[in-house]
Amino acid sequence: MSSSTGPSRPGSQIPRDRLRFSKRRAARRRGFAAFLGLLVVVIGALAWGTTRGGGEAASSGPTGGPTAATGSGGTGGQGSTGGVGTIVPGDNPIKHVVFIIKENRTFNNYFATYPGAEGATEGGTIKCTENGCEDGPVVKLTKGPDVYPHDLTHCFRCGLTAINDGKMNGFNRMNGPIPQSTNADLYGADMSGYSYLDRDGIPNYWAYADRFVLADHFFTSMFGPTTPEHLYTVAAQSNFLVDNKSTTDHEGNYCDDPTENATRFNPHEARRNADHIMKLEREITKNGSNVYDIADFWDSIRLCFDIPVLPDQLEQHDISWKYYATENAWMNVLQMIRHVRYGPMWNKVQDPTNFVKDVKHGQMPAVSWIVPPESYNEHPGAGKSTCAGENWTVHQVNTIMKSEYWRSTAIIVVWDDFGGFYDPVAPPQDDIMGLGPRTPALIISPYTVQGSNPDGGAVDSTVYEFSSVLAFIEHLFGLDPMTDRDRDADPLSGAFDFADPNFDKLVLPLREDCPYGTSTTQFRASWPFLRTIGSPLD
């Protein structure tokens, strides 16, 4: 997400002289001058491909850079578990799924040194001029702090530059050939993104990895930022969005603010030119023009529209669900879906502090999305503590483990985009929208597969993305895929062994060394600082 406000947020704009040049060129080539004139707040965007079926068109198939990930198709790099994770709708011990979406980290930022997982403690860099970029030196990663000093940009173009056709070396200059601005540190120049935490920094996340499943090839669905990434967590597409909203100076959010628009790929042009766009994305740093040429395929859309979302089918099949997210926060993407916002389903979009109460009152839905309050989402900058965010997650998990629901629940914890942090594993290029850099991913359940991690857990190297969680839910409840993304995504097949459960609970203590968030009272809606640390604009 972007914690800056308005059009100046990191990565959101093409310099005006180059944008005017791009408009003239587009008029000559395609007659796009009209829609390119709508690009007021862009270059926080560039994606790889299109979703298919439900709203975004198919590409020519997966490709990738020199080291694009393929995964092992199983646990701990050992291959498939032989069908023990096969889901039979209506005949499965898992009856509840909890999908927790946190903010802005890469897998390497949290698990670079976890035994058996793919990580790195050094990484490549690039050197750029306005004519393109070349490889720079390899640098040592540093130990990251609990509270990072500032946000890092994580726009679509920034993700493309960071990946750099699979070299994974552009995290120090995520603006690429675009002239360096006064906000150079936000684009990685101060090297704060070349850092990682270890067991001392996030001991409870590592404890979950020890006991349950750590997925080390779980990729973000696209390159960020928050708005489109979160759409993938409910819709397996972003409706071609490639940026956050363009205005932040009005009350309300999305459907409740008529001034809000965002940049997206023009659907017709994206479908017609998918192969060309994907080539531009792979060669984003090759010269000084590719980063601008992608804008030829962009236009703008009002952020109140209708696309299918998974809660639609849950409603139709009378499967209980709730989407726990703060109203008017950027992450609350169901506020953008017109038929949800202005229909009866809106009653099931509730404040995240309600989840614990629902569990304790015996009212946990079959499917829960939980988007944390700003103070606990672990977004870098704005005084936010990783330790406090970890404590919040532990509180949600402890609540489930202490309840009647533990024996029938799968919990999936991910982070919504790469956040500008280094990661060494190149994602496959499925389409013009993604995949993006890896997210940390923890899968917690009595039915997770066992392996060689310290307390019997496993590293699962199957390739997943956010649509994999939706595919898991669809398989579990016999629902239909919404797009080609959730149709083709692996439904977490390497993470489970339904034949050999372990019902022992791992109830962890809250850490006391955090600057805040050290008691359960500070997670309640009544805590006065719940939404003043950080911002809903993250």
Protein backbone atom coordinates (compact mmCIF):
# COMPACT_ATOMS: atom_id res chain seq x y z
CA MET A 1 0.00 0.00 0.00
CA SER A 2 0.99 3.58 -0.21
CA SER A 3 1.16 5.59 2.97
CA SER A 4 1.60 8.87 1.14
CA THR A 5 -1.46 10.84 0.16
CA GLY A 6 -2.62 12.39 -3.05
CA PRO A 7 -0.95 12.37 -6.44
CA SER A 8 2.58 12.61 -5.02
CA ARG A 9 2.58 9.18 -3.44
CA PRO A 10 5.58 7.05 -4.45
CA GLY A 11 5.50 5.68 -7.95
CA SER A 12 2.19 7.15 -8.96
CA GLN A 13 3.23 9.64 -11.63
CA ILE A 14 5.04 9.78 -14.94
CA PRO A 15 6.98 13.05 -15.34
CA ARG A 16 4.72 15.44 -17.21
CA ASP A 17 7.03 16.01 -20.18
CA ARG A 18 7.34 12.28 -20.80
CA LEU A 19 3.59 11.78 -20.31
CA ARG A 20 2.84 14.39 -22.97
CA PHE A 21 5.29 12.66 -25.30
CA SER A 22 3.61 9.34 -24.60
CA LYS A 23 0.23 10.85 -25.44
CA ARG A 24 1.44 12.15 -28.80
CA ARG A 25 3.04 8.81 -29.61
CA ALA A 26 -0.14 6.95 -28.64
CA ALA A 27 -2.22 9.19 -30.87
CA ARG A 28 0.02 8.35 -33.81
CA ARG A 29 0.07 4.62 -33.07
CA ARG A 30 -3.35 3.76 -31.72
CA GLY A 31 -5.48 6.86 -31.33
CA PHE A 32 -5.23 6.57 -27.56
CA ALA A 33 -4.74 10.26 -26.80
CA ALA A 34 -8.20 10.54 -25.30
CA PHE A 35 -7.84 7.81 -22.73
CA LEU A 36 -4.22 8.60 -21.95
CA GLY A 37 -5.41 12.11 -21.07
CA LEU A 38 -7.09 10.49 -18.07
CA LEU A 39 -3.75 9.45 -16.62
CA VAL A 40 -3.42 11.99 -13.86
CA VAL A 41 -1.94 9.74 -11.23
CA VAL A 42 0.11 6.95 -12.76
CA ILE A 43 3.37 5.10 -12.92
CA GLY A 44 2.45 3.54 -9.62
CA ALA A 45 1.25 0.95 -12.05
CA LEU A 46 2.38 -1.60 -14.54
CA ALA A 47 1.25 -5.15 -14.40
CA TRP A 48 2.04 -8.31 -16.27
CA GLY A 49 -1.02 -9.89 -17.72
CA THR A 50 -4.78 -10.17 -17.75
CA THR A 51 -7.10 -12.34 -15.81
CA ARG A 52 -9.32 -14.33 -17.96
CA GLY A 53 -12.89 -15.52 -17.92
CA GLY A 54 -14.48 -13.34 -15.27
CA GLY A 55 -13.12 -9.98 -16.30
CA GLU A 56 -9.54 -9.90 -17.57
CA ALA A 57 -8.34 -11.59 -20.72
CA ALA A 58 -6.05 -14.59 -21.02
CA SER A 59 -2.40 -14.33 -21.93
CA SER A 60 -0.39 -16.75 -23.98
CA GLY A 61 0.69 -18.73 -20.93
CA PRO A 62 3.21 -18.66 -18.08
CA THR A 63 6.67 -17.32 -18.74
CA GLY A 64 9.26 -15.72 -16.56
CA GLY A 65 12.70 -14.27 -16.17
CA PRO A 66 15.93 -16.21 -15.98
CA THR A 67 15.11 -17.73 -12.60
CA ALA A 68 11.33 -17.75 -12.61
CA ALA A 69 9.96 -20.01 -9.89
CA THR A 70 8.28 -23.28 -10.71
CA GLY A 71 8.04 -24.70 -7.19
CA SER A 72 8.42 -28.31 -6.22
CA GLY A 73 4.75 -29.18 -6.24
CA GLY A 74 4.97 -30.43 -2.66
CA THR A 75 6.29 -29.94 0.82
CA GLY A 76 9.78 -29.11 1.84
CA GLY A 77 10.96 -29.47 -1.74
CA GLN A 78 10.18 -33.20 -1.54
CA GLY A 79 7.36 -33.37 -4.08
CA SER A 80 3.66 -34.17 -3.78
CA THR A 81 2.14 -35.66 -0.65
CA GLY A 82 0.37 -38.29 -2.75
CA GLY A 83 -3.19 -37.01 -2.54
CA VAL A 84 -3.55 -36.77 1.23
CA GLY A 85 -4.44 -33.09 0.69
CA THR A 86 -7.19 -33.82 -1.83
CA ILE A 87 -10.38 -31.88 -1.15
CA VAL A 88 -13.72 -33.63 -1.57
CA PRO A 89 -16.57 -31.09 -1.30
CA GLY A 90 -18.92 -31.96 1.55
CA ASP A 91 -16.57 -34.67 2.83
CA ASN A 92 -13.75 -32.77 4.46
CA PRO A 93 -12.95 -32.11 8.13
CA ILE A 94 -12.29 -28.42 7.44
CA LYS A 95 -15.51 -26.44 7.83
CA HIS A 96 -14.05 -22.98 8.47
CA VAL A 97 -11.46 -20.91 6.61
CA VAL A 98 -9.89 -17.74 8.04
CA PHE A 99 -7.96 -15.62 5.53
CA ILE A 100 -5.81 -12.93 7.23
CA ILE A 101 -4.29 -10.31 4.91
CA LYS A 102 -1.55 -8.14 6.40
CA GLU A 103 0.66 -5.54 4.71
CA ASN A 104 3.81 -5.02 2.70
CA ARG A 105 6.44 -7.66 3.30
CA THR A 106 8.30 -10.17 1.19
CA PHE A 107 8.96 -13.72 2.20
CA ASN A 108 12.66 -12.92 2.44
CA ASN A 109 12.03 -9.99 4.77
CA TYR A 110 10.55 -12.39 7.35
CA PHE A 111 12.03 -15.81 6.59
CA ALA A 112 15.35 -15.26 4.78
CA THR A 113 17.20 -17.55 7.19
CA TYR A 114 14.48 -20.05 8.08
CA PRO A 115 15.98 -23.57 7.80
CA GLY A 116 14.86 -25.40 4.68
CA ALA A 117 13.17 -22.37 3.09
CA GLU A 118 14.51 -20.53 0.05
CA GLY A 119 15.98 -17.22 1.18
CA ALA A 120 19.05 -15.01 0.87
CA THR A 121 21.16 -12.70 3.00
CA GLU A 122 22.63 -10.82 0.05
CA GLY A 123 21.08 -9.40 -3.09
CA GLY A 124 21.84 -7.72 -6.37
CA THR A 125 21.33 -4.07 -7.28
CA ILE A 126 21.04 -1.98 -10.45
CA LYS A 127 22.49 1.26 -11.74
CA CYS A 128 20.28 3.38 -14.00
CA THR A 129 20.30 6.36 -16.31
CA GLU A 130 17.40 7.76 -18.31
CA ASN A 131 18.43 5.36 -21.08
CA GLY A 132 18.05 2.17 -19.06
CA CYS A 133 19.62 0.14 -16.26
CA GLU A 134 22.52 -2.27 -15.84
CA ASP A 135 23.47 -4.68 -13.10
CA GLY A 136 25.11 -3.22 -10.02
CA PRO A 137 27.04 -4.82 -7.17
CA VAL A 138 25.76 -7.55 -4.86
CA VAL A 139 25.25 -6.26 -1.32
CA LYS A 140 24.82 -7.85 2.09
CA LEU A 141 21.36 -7.60 3.61
CA THR A 142 21.12 -6.04 7.06
CA LYS A 143 19.02 -7.00 10.08
CA GLY A 144 15.75 -5.10 9.95
CA PRO A 145 14.29 -3.04 12.84
CA ASP A 146 10.97 -3.60 14.55
CA VAL A 147 9.75 -0.17 13.41
CA TYR A 148 10.93 0.80 9.94
CA PRO A 149 11.67 4.53 9.50
CA HIS A 150 9.56 5.00 6.38
CA ASP A 151 7.42 3.35 3.75
CA LEU A 152 8.95 1.98 0.56
CA THR A 153 7.23 2.37 -2.78
CA HIS A 154 5.60 -0.74 -4.21
CA CYS A 155 3.77 0.34 -7.35
CA PHE A 156 3.32 -1.89 -10.40
CA ARG A 157 6.24 -0.33 -12.25
CA CYS A 158 8.28 -0.61 -9.07
CA GLY A 159 7.53 -4.32 -8.83
CA LEU A 160 8.50 -4.83 -12.46
CA THR A 161 11.74 -2.91 -11.94
CA ALA A 162 12.53 -4.83 -8.74
CA ILE A 163 12.02 -8.16 -10.54
CA ASN A 164 13.93 -6.93 -13.60
CA ASP A 165 13.14 -9.90 -15.85
CA GLY A 166 13.89 -12.40 -13.11
CA LYS A 167 17.21 -10.94 -11.98
CA MET A 168 15.56 -9.74 -8.75
CA ASN A 169 18.04 -6.91 -8.41
CA GLY A 170 16.06 -3.67 -8.85
CA PHE A 171 14.94 -3.05 -5.29
CA ASN A 172 17.45 -0.23 -4.77
CA ARG A 173 16.18 1.83 -7.72
CA MET A 174 12.51 0.99 -8.18
CA ASN A 175 11.91 4.05 -10.35
CA GLY A 176 14.29 2.48 -12.90
CA PRO A 177 15.06 4.77 -15.85
CA ILE A 178 12.67 7.46 -14.63
CA PRO A 179 14.75 10.38 -13.31
CA GLN A 180 15.47 10.13 -9.59
CA SER A 181 13.22 12.31 -7.48
CA THR A 182 13.73 13.97 -4.14
CA ASN A 183 12.03 10.89 -2.66
CA ALA A 184 14.87 8.59 -3.66
CA ASP A 185 14.82 6.73 -0.35
CA LEU A 186 11.20 5.74 -0.92
CA TYR A 187 12.34 4.03 -4.12
CA GLY A 188 14.99 2.05 -2.25
CA ALA A 189 18.07 4.28 -2.41
CA ASP A 190 18.75 4.09 1.34
CA MET A 191 18.81 0.26 1.08
CA SER A 192 16.31 -0.16 3.91
CA GLY A 193 14.50 -2.69 1.73
CA TYR A 194 17.61 -4.88 1.68
CA SER A 195 16.95 -6.16 5.18
CA TYR A 196 15.41 -9.11 6.96
CA LEU A 197 14.12 -10.22 10.34
CA ASP A 198 14.96 -13.52 11.97
CA ARG A 199 13.63 -15.63 14.84
CA ASP A 200 14.61 -12.96 17.38
CA GLY A 201 12.57 -10.35 15.52
CA ILE A 202 9.40 -12.38 14.88
CA PRO A 203 9.62 -15.39 17.22
CA ASN A 204 5.93 -16.26 17.10
CA TYR A 205 5.70 -16.28 13.30
CA TRP A 206 8.71 -18.59 13.33
CA ALA A 207 7.00 -20.73 15.99
CA TYR A 208 4.01 -21.15 13.66
CA ALA A 209 6.41 -22.15 10.89
CA ASP A 210 8.05 -24.67 13.21
CA ARG A 211 4.76 -26.39 13.94
CA PHE A 212 2.56 -25.85 10.86
CA VAL A 213 3.25 -24.96 7.19
CA LEU A 214 5.49 -22.21 5.87
CA ALA A 215 4.82 -21.73 2.14
CA ASP A 216 8.01 -20.42 0.53
CA HIS A 217 6.69 -20.10 -3.04
CA PHE A 218 3.53 -18.16 -2.29
CA PHE A 219 3.53 -15.15 -4.62
CA THR A 220 1.50 -11.97 -4.59
CA SER A 221 -1.07 -11.92 -7.37
CA MET A 222 0.36 -8.79 -8.97
CA PHE A 223 2.89 -6.07 -8.27
CA GLY A 224 0.90 -3.94 -5.89
CA PRO A 225 -0.27 -1.61 -4.61
CA THR A 226 -2.94 -2.36 -2.03
CA THR A 227 -6.19 -1.77 -3.87
CA PRO A 228 -5.72 -4.22 -6.76
CA GLU A 229 -3.90 -6.80 -4.63
CA HIS A 230 -6.78 -6.91 -2.17
CA LEU A 231 -9.26 -7.32 -5.02
CA TYR A 232 -7.48 -10.57 -5.88
CA THR A 233 -8.16 -11.83 -2.35
CA VAL A 234 -11.94 -11.67 -2.94
CA ALA A 235 -12.34 -11.79 -6.74
CA ALA A 236 -9.27 -13.50 -8.28
CA GLN A 237 -8.90 -10.41 -10.47
CA SER A 238 -8.47 -6.65 -10.10
CA ASN A 239 -10.76 -5.49 -12.92
CA PHE A 240 -7.48 -4.45 -14.59
CA LEU A 241 -6.69 -1.91 -11.83
CA VAL A 242 -3.00 -1.10 -11.55
CA ASP A 243 -2.98 1.67 -8.94
CA ASN A 244 -4.58 2.97 -5.79
CA LYS A 245 -7.18 5.73 -5.85
CA SER A 246 -6.28 9.14 -7.23
CA THR A 247 -7.75 11.37 -4.50
CA THR A 248 -7.58 11.30 -0.71
CA ASP A 249 -9.04 14.69 0.21
CA HIS A 250 -12.72 13.74 0.46
CA GLU A 251 -14.70 11.90 3.11
CA GLY A 252 -15.72 8.34 2.43
CA ASN A 253 -14.05 5.74 0.32
CA TYR A 254 -14.63 4.06 -3.05
CA CYS A 255 -18.40 3.91 -3.68
CA ASP A 256 -18.87 6.54 -0.95
CA ASP A 257 -16.59 9.10 -2.64
CA PRO A 258 -17.60 10.05 -6.21
CA THR A 259 -14.21 11.72 -6.83
CA GLU A 260 -12.22 8.50 -6.61
CA ASN A 261 -10.77 6.99 -9.78
CA ALA A 262 -7.80 4.74 -10.44
CA THR A 263 -5.59 3.82 -13.36
CA ARG A 264 -6.15 0.51 -15.05
CA PHE A 265 -5.30 -1.29 -18.26
CA ASN A 266 -7.87 -0.57 -20.96
CA PRO A 267 -9.50 -4.03 -21.12
CA HIS A 268 -9.88 -4.17 -24.90
CA GLU A 269 -6.34 -3.01 -25.59
CA ALA A 270 -4.90 -5.24 -22.85
CA ARG A 271 -6.51 -8.32 -24.32
CA ARG A 272 -5.51 -7.42 -27.86
CA ASN A 273 -1.90 -6.58 -26.96
CA ALA A 274 -1.18 -8.95 -24.06
CA ASP A 275 1.96 -10.47 -25.56
CA HIS A 276 3.42 -7.05 -26.39
CA ILE A 277 2.65 -5.72 -22.91
CA MET A 278 4.27 -8.73 -21.28
CA LYS A 279 7.38 -8.19 -23.38
CA LEU A 280 7.53 -4.54 -22.29
CA GLU A 281 7.22 -5.67 -18.69
CA ARG A 282 10.04 -8.18 -18.98
CA GLU A 283 12.22 -5.52 -20.59
CA ILE A 284 11.19 -2.70 -18.27
CA THR A 285 14.78 -1.53 -17.62
CA LYS A 286 16.20 -2.32 -21.07
CA ASN A 287 15.89 1.25 -22.33
CA GLY A 288 14.40 4.58 -21.36
CA SER A 289 11.07 4.18 -23.14
CA ASN A 290 9.47 0.86 -22.16
CA VAL A 291 8.43 2.18 -18.78
CA TYR A 292 6.51 4.95 -20.54
CA ASP A 293 5.21 2.83 -23.43
CA ILE A 294 3.13 0.72 -21.06
CA ALA A 295 1.08 3.83 -20.29
CA ASP A 296 -0.22 3.67 -23.86
CA PHE A 297 -2.49 0.86 -22.65
CA TRP A 298 -3.89 2.59 -19.57
CA ASP A 299 -7.09 4.45 -18.91
CA SER A 300 -9.08 5.29 -15.77
CA ILE A 301 -12.12 3.90 -13.98
CA ARG A 302 -14.43 5.16 -11.23
CA LEU A 303 -13.82 3.10 -8.09
CA CYS A 304 -17.36 1.84 -7.70
CA PHE A 305 -18.07 -1.04 -10.07
CA ASP A 306 -19.40 -4.57 -10.20
CA ILE A 307 -17.36 -7.70 -10.69
CA PRO A 308 -18.09 -11.17 -9.26
CA VAL A 309 -16.67 -11.70 -5.77
CA LEU A 310 -16.53 -14.96 -3.85
CA PRO A 311 -19.07 -13.79 -1.24
CA ASP A 312 -21.66 -13.80 -4.06
CA GLN A 313 -21.49 -17.58 -4.29
CA LEU A 314 -21.27 -17.99 -0.53
CA GLU A 315 -24.53 -16.06 -0.26
CA GLN A 316 -26.17 -18.11 -3.01
CA HIS A 317 -25.25 -21.39 -1.32
CA ASP A 318 -26.17 -20.19 2.19
CA ILE A 319 -22.57 -20.48 3.41
CA SER A 320 -21.88 -18.05 6.24
CA TRP A 321 -19.17 -15.42 5.67
CA LYS A 322 -17.93 -12.06 6.89
CA TYR A 323 -15.36 -9.62 5.61
CA TYR A 324 -13.76 -7.94 8.62
CA ALA A 325 -12.19 -4.64 7.53
CA THR A 326 -12.20 -1.03 8.70
CA GLU A 327 -14.69 1.10 6.81
CA ASN A 328 -13.03 3.69 4.53
CA ALA A 329 -9.61 2.03 4.72
CA TRP A 330 -7.87 1.46 1.37
CA MET A 331 -7.81 -2.26 2.08
CA ASN A 332 -11.60 -2.53 2.35
CA VAL A 333 -12.18 -3.40 -1.29
CA LEU A 334 -15.73 -4.70 -0.82
CA GLN A 335 -16.60 -1.02 -0.30
CA MET A 336 -15.69 -0.70 -4.00
CA ILE A 337 -18.09 -3.42 -5.21
CA ARG A 338 -21.38 -1.66 -5.99
CA HIS A 339 -23.76 -4.56 -5.37
CA VAL A 340 -22.08 -5.28 -2.03
CA ARG A 341 -21.91 -1.69 -0.83
CA TYR A 342 -25.52 -0.91 -1.74
CA GLY A 343 -27.09 -4.27 -0.96
CA PRO A 344 -27.80 -6.52 2.02
CA MET A 345 -24.33 -8.13 1.83
CA TRP A 346 -22.89 -4.91 3.26
CA ASN A 347 -24.16 -6.02 6.68
CA LYS A 348 -21.48 -8.72 6.59
CA VAL A 349 -18.66 -6.22 6.06
CA GLN A 350 -17.72 -5.46 9.65
CA ASP A 351 -15.00 -3.93 11.77
CA PRO A 352 -12.01 -6.29 12.32
CA THR A 353 -12.41 -6.04 16.08
CA ASN A 354 -15.66 -8.02 15.71
CA PHE A 355 -13.92 -11.24 14.72
CA VAL A 356 -12.73 -12.23 18.20
CA LYS A 357 -16.16 -11.42 19.63
CA ASP A 358 -17.85 -13.57 17.00
CA VAL A 359 -15.60 -16.53 17.77
CA LYS A 360 -16.15 -16.23 21.52
CA HIS A 361 -19.92 -16.00 21.00
CA GLY A 362 -19.98 -19.14 18.87
CA GLN A 363 -20.69 -17.19 15.68
CA MET A 364 -17.53 -17.64 13.59
CA PRO A 365 -18.51 -17.75 9.89
CA ALA A 366 -17.56 -20.60 7.60
CA VAL A 367 -15.39 -18.14 5.64
CA SER A 368 -13.75 -15.09 7.22
CA TRP A 369 -11.54 -12.46 5.66
CA ILE A 370 -9.70 -10.39 8.28
CA VAL A 371 -7.93 -7.16 7.34
CA PRO A 372 -6.25 -5.80 10.49
CA PRO A 373 -6.69 -2.32 11.93
CA GLU A 374 -4.00 0.06 10.67
CA SER A 375 -1.99 -0.06 13.89
CA TYR A 376 -1.47 -3.82 13.54
CA ASN A 377 -1.06 -4.44 9.80
CA GLU A 378 2.78 -4.32 9.88
CA HIS A 379 2.97 -1.75 7.10
CA PRO A 380 6.43 -0.10 7.28
CA GLY A 381 6.66 3.48 8.47
CA ALA A 382 4.30 5.72 10.45
CA GLY A 383 5.52 4.29 13.76
CA LYS A 384 4.02 0.84 13.17
CA SER A 385 5.57 -2.03 15.09
CA THR A 386 6.13 -5.46 13.57
CA CYS A 387 6.09 -6.88 17.09
CA ALA A 388 2.68 -5.34 17.82
CA GLY A 389 1.33 -6.65 14.52
CA GLU A 390 2.61 -10.13 15.32
CA ASN A 391 0.89 -9.94 18.72
CA TRP A 392 -2.40 -9.01 17.02
CA THR A 393 -2.10 -12.06 14.74
CA VAL A 394 -1.31 -14.30 17.70
CA HIS A 395 -4.42 -13.02 19.47
CA GLN A 396 -6.63 -13.98 16.51
CA VAL A 397 -5.03 -17.43 16.25
CA ASN A 398 -5.12 -18.04 20.01
CA THR A 399 -8.81 -17.17 20.05
CA ILE A 400 -9.53 -19.78 17.40
CA MET A 401 -7.37 -22.43 19.07
CA LYS A 402 -9.15 -21.92 22.40
CA SER A 403 -12.55 -22.24 20.78
CA GLU A 404 -14.80 -25.02 19.53
CA TYR A 405 -13.71 -24.18 15.98
CA TRP A 406 -10.05 -25.23 16.14
CA ARG A 407 -10.66 -28.84 15.08
CA SER A 408 -12.38 -27.73 11.86
CA THR A 409 -10.42 -24.62 10.82
CA ALA A 410 -7.70 -23.65 8.36
CA ILE A 411 -6.02 -20.27 8.90
CA ILE A 412 -4.03 -18.68 6.06
CA VAL A 413 -1.89 -15.61 6.86
CA VAL A 414 -0.39 -13.58 4.00
CA TRP A 415 0.91 -10.06 3.36
CA ASP A 416 -0.71 -8.13 0.51
CA ASP A 417 2.26 -6.93 -1.55
CA PHE A 418 6.04 -6.89 -1.57
CA GLY A 419 6.27 -3.49 0.12
CA GLY A 420 9.55 -2.59 -1.60
CA PHE A 421 11.52 -5.28 0.26
CA TYR A 422 14.11 -7.47 -1.41
CA ASP A 423 13.30 -11.04 -2.39
CA PRO A 424 15.53 -13.40 -4.42
CA VAL A 425 12.92 -15.68 -6.07
CA ALA A 426 11.60 -14.62 -9.47
CA PRO A 427 7.85 -15.08 -9.88
CA PRO A 428 6.33 -16.75 -12.94
CA GLN A 429 4.75 -14.30 -15.36
CA ASP A 430 1.25 -15.71 -15.72
CA ASP A 431 -0.28 -12.73 -17.51
CA ILE A 432 0.02 -8.95 -17.71
CA MET A 433 -1.01 -8.58 -14.06
CA GLY A 434 1.45 -10.89 -12.31
CA LEU A 435 2.62 -12.79 -10.45
CA GLY A 436 4.43 -10.46 -8.09
CA PRO A 437 7.21 -11.05 -5.54
CA ARG A 438 6.73 -13.64 -2.80
CA THR A 439 4.70 -12.95 0.33
CA PRO A 440 5.31 -14.59 3.69
CA ALA A 441 2.62 -17.24 4.05
CA LEU A 442 1.68 -19.32 7.07
CA ILE A 443 -0.95 -22.07 6.91
CA ILE A 444 -2.17 -23.07 10.36
CA SER A 445 -4.53 -25.98 10.99
CA PRO A 446 -4.72 -29.37 12.72
CA TYR A 447 -4.58 -30.81 9.20
CA THR A 448 -1.35 -29.26 7.91
CA VAL A 449 1.17 -31.69 6.53
CA GLN A 450 4.01 -32.77 8.79
CA GLY A 451 7.65 -32.37 7.89
CA SER A 452 11.13 -31.73 9.22
CA ASN A 453 10.65 -28.27 10.71
CA PRO A 454 11.67 -28.05 14.40
CA ASP A 455 8.24 -28.89 15.85
CA GLY A 456 7.02 -31.12 13.04
CA GLY A 457 5.90 -28.49 10.56
CA ALA A 458 6.84 -28.33 6.90
CA VAL A 459 8.13 -25.96 4.25
CA ASP A 460 5.75 -26.18 1.30
CA SER A 461 7.36 -25.14 -1.99
CA THR A 462 4.26 -25.44 -4.16
CA VAL A 463 3.59 -22.30 -6.23
CA TYR A 464 0.63 -20.42 -4.80
CA GLU A 465 -0.88 -16.94 -5.08
CA PHE A 466 -3.86 -15.22 -3.44
CA SER A 467 -6.23 -16.95 -5.86
CA SER A 468 -5.03 -20.26 -4.39
CA VAL A 469 -6.87 -19.45 -1.16
CA LEU A 470 -10.04 -18.70 -3.12
CA ALA A 471 -9.57 -21.95 -5.07
CA PHE A 472 -9.20 -23.81 -1.75
CA ILE A 473 -12.48 -22.33 -0.51
CA GLU A 474 -14.17 -23.13 -3.83
CA HIS A 475 -13.02 -26.74 -3.75
CA LEU A 476 -14.00 -27.07 -0.09
CA PHE A 477 -17.56 -25.87 -0.59
CA GLY A 478 -18.17 -27.00 -4.17
CA LEU A 479 -18.20 -23.50 -5.69
CA ASP A 480 -17.35 -22.39 -9.23
CA PRO A 481 -14.18 -20.50 -10.17
CA MET A 482 -14.72 -16.83 -10.97
CA THR A 483 -11.79 -16.31 -13.38
CA ASP A 484 -9.02 -18.34 -14.94
CA ARG A 485 -6.79 -17.33 -12.03
CA ASP A 486 -8.73 -19.26 -9.38
CA ARG A 487 -9.55 -21.98 -11.91
CA ASP A 488 -5.85 -22.61 -12.56
CA ALA A 489 -4.40 -21.81 -9.11
CA ASP A 490 -3.20 -24.67 -6.95
CA PRO A 491 -5.73 -24.94 -4.07
CA LEU A 492 -3.07 -25.28 -1.36
CA SER A 493 -2.67 -28.95 -2.25
CA GLY A 494 0.79 -29.29 -0.71
CA ALA A 495 -0.20 -27.88 2.68
CA PHE A 496 -2.63 -30.44 4.06
CA ASP A 497 -2.80 -34.05 5.22
CA PHE A 498 -6.40 -34.76 6.11
CA ALA A 499 -5.62 -38.35 7.09
CA ASP A 500 -3.25 -37.54 9.94
CA PRO A 501 -4.40 -34.51 11.99
CA ASN A 502 -2.67 -33.11 15.06
CA PHE A 503 -5.23 -31.39 17.29
CA ASP A 504 -2.68 -30.14 19.84
CA LYS A 505 -2.96 -26.37 20.26
CA LEU A 506 -0.11 -23.89 20.05
CA VAL A 507 -1.36 -21.07 22.23
CA LEU A 508 1.42 -18.49 22.33
CA PRO A 509 1.98 -15.68 24.85
CA LEU A 510 1.84 -12.09 23.68
CA ARG A 511 5.25 -10.50 23.54
CA GLU A 512 5.93 -7.83 26.12
CA ASP A 513 8.79 -6.11 24.28
CA CYS A 514 6.59 -4.28 21.72
CA PRO A 515 6.13 -0.49 21.87
CA TYR A 516 2.35 -1.09 21.99
CA GLY A 517 -0.07 -3.96 21.49
CA THR A 518 1.14 -5.97 24.49
CA SER A 519 -2.30 -6.74 25.95
CA THR A 520 -5.61 -7.88 24.48
CA THR A 521 -7.28 -4.68 25.67
CA GLN A 522 -5.21 -2.78 23.10
CA PHE A 523 -6.79 -4.83 20.29
CA ARG A 524 -10.32 -3.74 21.18
CA ALA A 525 -12.26 -1.06 19.34
CA SER A 526 -12.26 1.05 22.52
CA TRP A 527 -8.45 1.39 22.62
CA PRO A 528 -7.90 5.12 21.89
CA PHE A 529 -4.83 4.61 19.67
CA LEU A 530 -6.20 1.72 17.57
CA ARG A 531 -6.36 3.82 14.40
CA THR A 532 -3.95 6.66 15.15
CA ILE A 533 -0.77 4.65 14.67
CA GLY A 534 -0.51 4.57 10.92
CA SER A 535 -3.28 5.64 8.59
CA PRO A 536 -6.15 4.11 6.60
CA LEU A 537 -4.35 5.57 3.57
CA ASP A 538 -1.51 3.02 3.93
